[in-house]
């Protein structure tokens, strides 16, 4: 009976060793899978960081382009305002010249009327 017990103990010990080995193998496989998944996630993070950096650069360029366009528009607006101001000044000068010509025309008309009246009077 004692020999059977020792044989049973050896079997239990062998079963436990096999079980421990199975756990080790399972743990190693799980660890390998988790390492692989971690590597995939790191790769994904690296790709997203690269994309984010590209987007940031693109945004900087877009912002720079927008600022450049804004400055160009401000400059163009300033030029147009200057042109408008000079056109207003020229228009006022032309109005004054027109008023002067009207005054000259009125004076000339009055002088012509007087000259006609004077010319008609002596012949009567």
C-alpha atoms as a PDB file:
ATOM      1  CA  UNK A   1       0.000   0.000   0.000  1.00  0.00           C
ATOM      2  CA  UNK A   2       2.922   2.352   0.790  1.00  0.00           C
ATOM      3  CA  UNK A   3       4.449   1.702  -2.652  1.00  0.00           C
ATOM      4  CA  UNK A   4       1.167   2.670  -4.292  1.00  0.00           C
ATOM      5  CA  UNK A   5       1.091   5.886  -2.337  1.00  0.00           C
ATOM      6  CA  UNK A   6       4.602   6.783  -3.449  1.00  0.00           C
ATOM      7  CA  UNK A   7       3.665   5.980  -7.048  1.00  0.00           C
ATOM      8  CA  UNK A   8       0.548   8.143  -6.682  1.00  0.00           C
ATOM      9  CA  UNK A   9       2.649  10.952  -5.220  1.00  0.00           C
ATOM     10  CA  UNK A  10       5.040  10.694  -8.174  1.00  0.00           C
ATOM     11  CA  UNK A  11       2.064  10.859 -10.549  1.00  0.00           C
ATOM     12  CA  UNK A  12       0.592  13.857  -8.691  1.00  0.00           C
ATOM     13  CA  UNK A  13       3.975  15.547  -8.800  1.00  0.00           C
ATOM     14  CA  UNK A  14       4.296  14.812 -12.541  1.00  0.00           C
ATOM     15  CA  UNK A  15       0.733  16.118 -13.090  1.00  0.00           C
ATOM     16  CA  UNK A  16       1.560  19.278 -11.143  1.00  0.00           C
ATOM     17  CA  UNK A  17       4.756  19.779 -13.185  1.00  0.00           C
ATOM     18  CA  UNK A  18       2.744  19.303 -16.382  1.00  0.00           C
ATOM     19  CA  UNK A  19       0.122  21.743 -15.123  1.00  0.00           C
ATOM     20  CA  UNK A  20       2.796  24.292 -14.170  1.00  0.00           C
ATOM     21  CA  UNK A  21       4.383  23.878 -17.626  1.00  0.00           C
ATOM     22  CA  UNK A  22       0.962  24.380 -19.260  1.00  0.00           C
ATOM     23  CA  UNK A  23       0.457  27.555 -17.205  1.00  0.00           C
ATOM     24  CA  UNK A  24       3.956  28.743 -18.186  1.00  0.00           C
ATOM     25  CA  UNK A  25       3.275  28.041 -21.866  1.00  0.00           C
ATOM     26  CA  UNK A  26      -0.106  29.773 -21.651  1.00  0.00           C
ATOM     27  CA  UNK A  27       1.472  32.730 -19.855  1.00  0.00           C
ATOM     28  CA  UNK A  28       4.265  32.928 -22.462  1.00  0.00           C
ATOM     29  CA  UNK A  29       1.702  32.825 -25.288  1.00  0.00           C
ATOM     30  CA  UNK A  30      -0.419  35.518 -23.592  1.00  0.00           C
ATOM     31  CA  UNK A  31       2.697  37.611 -23.032  1.00  0.00           C
ATOM     32  CA  UNK A  32       3.707  37.202 -26.695  1.00  0.00           C
ATOM     33  CA  UNK A  33       0.202  38.223 -27.831  1.00  0.00           C
ATOM     34  CA  UNK A  34       0.224  41.237 -25.513  1.00  0.00           C
ATOM     35  CA  UNK A  35       3.703  42.233 -26.717  1.00  0.00           C
ATOM     36  CA  UNK A  36       2.514  41.976 -30.319  1.00  0.00           C
ATOM     37  CA  UNK A  37      -0.588  44.060 -29.514  1.00  0.00           C
ATOM     38  CA  UNK A  38       1.591  46.625 -27.708  1.00  0.00           C
ATOM     39  CA  UNK A  39       3.878  46.845 -30.747  1.00  0.00           C
ATOM     40  CA  UNK A  40       0.828  47.370 -32.993  1.00  0.00           C
ATOM     41  CA  UNK A  41      -0.494  50.104 -30.694  1.00  0.00           C
ATOM     42  CA  UNK A  42       2.922  51.798 -30.591  1.00  0.00           C
ATOM     43  CA  UNK A  43       3.009  51.701 -34.415  1.00  0.00           C
ATOM     44  CA  UNK A  44      -0.500  53.194 -34.542  1.00  0.00           C
ATOM     45  CA  UNK A  45       0.494  55.943 -32.081  1.00  0.00           C
ATOM     46  CA  UNK A  46       3.609  56.719 -34.149  1.00  0.00           C
ATOM     47  CA  UNK A  47       1.505  56.949 -37.330  1.00  0.00           C
ATOM     48  CA  UNK A  48      -1.017  59.224 -35.608  1.00  0.00           C
ATOM     49  CA  UNK A  49       1.779  61.437 -34.248  1.00  0.00           C
ATOM     50  CA  UNK A  50       3.243  61.687 -37.751  1.00  0.00           C
ATOM     51  CA  UNK A  51      -0.181  62.588 -39.140  1.00  0.00           C
ATOM     52  CA  UNK A  52      -0.741  65.125 -36.361  1.00  0.00           C
ATOM     53  CA  UNK A  53       2.628  66.726 -37.066  1.00  0.00           C
ATOM     54  CA  UNK A  54       1.750  66.924 -40.770  1.00  0.00           C
ATOM     55  CA  UNK A  55      -1.621  68.483 -39.912  1.00  0.00           C
ATOM     56  CA  UNK A  56       0.074  71.019 -37.632  1.00  0.00           C
ATOM     57  CA  UNK A  57       2.528  71.963 -40.387  1.00  0.00           C
ATOM     58  CA  UNK A  58      -0.322  72.172 -42.895  1.00  0.00           C
ATOM     59  CA  UNK A  59      -2.278  74.360 -40.477  1.00  0.00           C
ATOM     60  CA  UNK A  60       0.754  76.619 -39.997  1.00  0.00           C
ATOM     61  CA  UNK A  61       1.058  76.917 -43.772  1.00  0.00           C
ATOM     62  CA  UNK A  62      -2.660  77.559 -44.128  1.00  0.00           C
ATOM     63  CA  UNK A  63      -2.518  80.143 -41.366  1.00  0.00           C
ATOM     64  CA  UNK A  64       0.571  81.737 -42.921  1.00  0.00           C
ATOM     65  CA  UNK A  65      -1.125  81.793 -46.331  1.00  0.00           C
ATOM     66  CA  UNK A  66      -4.269  83.270 -44.767  1.00  0.00           C
ATOM     67  CA  UNK A  67      -2.257  85.998 -43.012  1.00  0.00           C
ATOM     68  CA  UNK A  68      -0.402  86.752 -46.248  1.00  0.00           C
ATOM     69  CA  UNK A  69      -3.701  87.014 -48.129  1.00  0.00           C
ATOM     70  CA  UNK A  70      -5.131  89.218 -45.382  1.00  0.00           C
ATOM     71  CA  UNK A  71      -2.137  91.559 -45.597  1.00  0.00           C
ATOM     72  CA  UNK A  72      -2.457  91.660 -49.393  1.00  0.00           C
ATOM     73  CA  UNK A  73      -6.153  92.519 -49.101  1.00  0.00           C
ATOM     74  CA  UNK A  74      -5.442  95.231 -46.520  1.00  0.00           C
ATOM     75  CA  UNK A  75      -2.778  96.676 -48.812  1.00  0.00           C
ATOM     76  CA  UNK A  76      -5.156  96.537 -51.791  1.00  0.00           C
ATOM     77  CA  UNK A  77      -7.907  98.181 -49.745  1.00  0.00           C
ATOM     78  CA  UNK A  78      -5.503 100.922 -48.658  1.00  0.00           C
ATOM     79  CA  UNK A  79      -4.522 101.543 -52.300  1.00  0.00           C
ATOM     80  CA  UNK A  80      -8.192 101.718 -53.321  1.00  0.00           C
ATOM     81  CA  UNK A  81      -8.952 104.136 -50.472  1.00  0.00           C
ATOM     82  CA  UNK A  82      -6.055 106.341 -51.602  1.00  0.00           C
ATOM     83  CA  UNK A  83      -7.352 106.188 -55.184  1.00  0.00           C
ATOM     84  CA  UNK A  84     -10.879 107.022 -53.994  1.00  0.00           C
ATOM     85  CA  UNK A  85      -9.583 109.993 -52.010  1.00  0.00           C
ATOM     86  CA  UNK A  86      -7.652 111.319 -55.023  1.00  0.00           C
ATOM     87  CA  UNK A  87     -10.747 110.813 -57.220  1.00  0.00           C
ATOM     88  CA  UNK A  88     -12.850 112.790 -54.713  1.00  0.00           C
ATOM     89  CA  UNK A  89     -10.264 115.603 -54.767  1.00  0.00           C
ATOM     90  CA  UNK A  90     -10.207 115.567 -58.592  1.00  0.00           C
ATOM     91  CA  UNK A  91     -14.029 115.582 -58.669  1.00  0.00           C
ATOM     92  CA  UNK A  92     -14.145 118.630 -56.341  1.00  0.00           C
ATOM     93  CA  UNK A  93     -11.583 120.407 -58.522  1.00  0.00           C
ATOM     94  CA  UNK A  94     -13.644 119.643 -61.638  1.00  0.00           C
ATOM     95  CA  UNK A  95     -16.810 120.904 -59.880  1.00  0.00           C
ATOM     96  CA  UNK A  96     -14.990 124.137 -59.046  1.00  0.00           C
ATOM     97  CA  UNK A  97     -13.770 124.441 -62.649  1.00  0.00           C
ATOM     98  CA  UNK A  98     -17.324 123.779 -63.869  1.00  0.00           C
ATOM     99  CA  UNK A  99     -18.657 126.480 -61.546  1.00  0.00           C
ATOM    100  CA  UNK A 100     -16.012 128.858 -62.895  1.00  0.00           C
ATOM    101  CA  UNK A 101     -16.910 127.979 -66.502  1.00  0.00           C
ATOM    102  CA  UNK A 102     -20.629 128.466 -65.681  1.00  0.00           C
ATOM    103  CA  UNK A 103     -19.834 131.839 -64.151  1.00  0.00           C
ATOM    104  CA  UNK A 104     -17.783 132.794 -67.239  1.00  0.00           C
ATOM    105  CA  UNK A 105     -20.590 131.568 -69.501  1.00  0.00           C
ATOM    106  CA  UNK A 106     -23.169 133.557 -67.532  1.00  0.00           C
ATOM    107  CA  UNK A 107     -20.948 136.660 -67.686  1.00  0.00           C
ATOM    108  CA  UNK A 108     -20.337 136.153 -71.413  1.00  0.00           C
ATOM    109  CA  UNK A 109     -24.092 135.688 -72.009  1.00  0.00           C
ATOM    110  CA  UNK A 110     -24.834 138.870 -70.065  1.00  0.00           C
ATOM    111  CA  UNK A 111     -22.097 140.762 -71.982  1.00  0.00           C
ATOM    112  CA  UNK A 112     -23.467 139.461 -75.285  1.00  0.00           C
ATOM    113  CA  UNK A 113     -26.987 140.539 -74.305  1.00  0.00           C
ATOM    114  CA  UNK A 114     -25.651 143.989 -73.327  1.00  0.00           C
ATOM    115  CA  UNK A 115     -23.649 144.239 -76.550  1.00  0.00           C
ATOM    116  CA  UNK A 116     -26.759 143.275 -78.556  1.00  0.00           C
ATOM    117  CA  UNK A 117     -28.836 145.817 -76.700  1.00  0.00           C
ATOM    118  CA  UNK A 118     -26.156 148.440 -77.216  1.00  0.00           C
ATOM    119  CA  UNK A 119     -25.794 147.568 -80.908  1.00  0.00           C
ATOM    120  CA  UNK A 120     -29.548 147.736 -81.495  1.00  0.00           C
ATOM    121  CA  UNK A 121     -30.011 151.027 -79.619  1.00  0.00           C
ATOM    122  CA  UNK A 122     -27.800 153.349 -81.703  1.00  0.00           C
ATOM    123  CA  UNK A 123     -29.291 152.208 -85.026  1.00  0.00           C
ATOM    124  CA  UNK A 124     -32.786 153.167 -83.850  1.00  0.00           C
END
